Amino acid sequence: MRLTDIETPALVLDAAKMRANIDRMNATARRLGVALRPHLKTGKSVEVARAMTEGWSGAVTVSTLKEADEFFAAGCRDILYAVGIASNKLAHAARLTQAGAQLTLILDSVAAAEAVAAFGRETGVRLPVLIEIDSDGHRAGVQPDDAATLDAIARALANGAELAGVMTHGGGSYNSTSADGIAAHAEMERAGAVRAAEHLRAAGHACPTVSVGSTPTALFARDLAGVTELRVGVYVFFDLVMAGLGVCAPEDIAVGVLTSVIGHQAERGQLIVDAGWMALSRDRGTQGQVLDQGYGLVRDAEGGSLDDLVVVAANQEHGIVARRDGGPLDVARFPVGTLLRVLPNHACATAAQHGAYRVVDGSDEITGTWPRFGGWS
């Protein structure tokens, strides 16, 4: 089968580009001297996970317990659930642990630590926990130098759970405007996690794991002294947000949505395609960057560059394609039935709209169909 043989819209994965992206991150982790714990939330696919973990210990990161279930069933044993734990998920976590998974949780409060410890006392299942550190003011976590809170969490965990270390996510790097800015965020991320670990150790608590990670900070980090592992995910596909940060080029993006031209608005210089926000997602992550990519950058069916076309508007099942600058477009160059490929703003969000990848390998020939899953429990 070839791309011309399938119905649109469809999610296309270029395996050659994916492998190149994986090779780049693998080399980065080895250069920095840290273990790699890939984040599997972007792909949500067993085949993608196998490619990301090849050559490493098999330790992975997930963002849902559904992912933990799926990847445990596929052979992953060492799994970090990297979202603050809610009490209503503890029984699910315990089932995974009792089935043989080495499942680690994260939290950032004494209240959450007390809940996990109480569950452990009641059930006899002592769950390992990383304390989440807020290294850059991006989202959740304990301040790196809040030694009192770190100590209190560790003490609460001791009676029914297990403190395994600390983790942080340098999400603030997504707002950087230069390579130096991303590198500064990488150092902020590293230093914050390491300081938090040192506070815990000074208080007499073991802290074997110091886990950091975001794709931009990983690729621009100059030193990861004191860090034990790197958690990264979107690098496997990359996307337009990453391209806007200078982390990759659009040509490195491994996924895109294949779509068909279904109509024209010639007087407006617009094409109508059959990929709306249900196929592309509503993510407008490039809106705040220097180059706004609309709902996605438009390429030809094989991913080759076109004139500066973007999806300028999206309804549920219709996308509107036009020149970025609003200038005239000769719609006759794109007859009804023309296939186009839309590169995503946010690979995780766009892929989440689809149930499978149509896999190609640098051409228009489909070499396989890889299922992907969604949901939370």
Foldseek 3Di string as FASTA:
>chain_A
DFPLPDDDFAKAFAVQLLLVLLVLLVVLCVVQPAAEAEECLLPLFQVLLCSNCPPGPLHYEYQFVVSVVVVVVVPRAHYEHEDADDLVCLVVVQVSVVVRHLYEYEHAFLVSLLSQQVVQVVPVDAHEYAYEEELDPPDDGDDLPPLVGLQSSCVSSVRRYHYAAYEYELPVLLPDQALVSLQVSLVSRLVSRQSSRVSCVVVPHDHNAREYEELSSSSSHPHNPNHHYYYYYCSSADFVSCVLNVNDPLVSGGMWTKWFFADDPQVQQKTKIFAFCLQQPPDQSCPPGPDGQASFFKAFQLRHDDQRKHFNHGDNGITIIHHPVSDHHPCVVRDGGGMMITTGRGSSRNPVSDQWYQYDHSGRDGPDITGRDDDHD
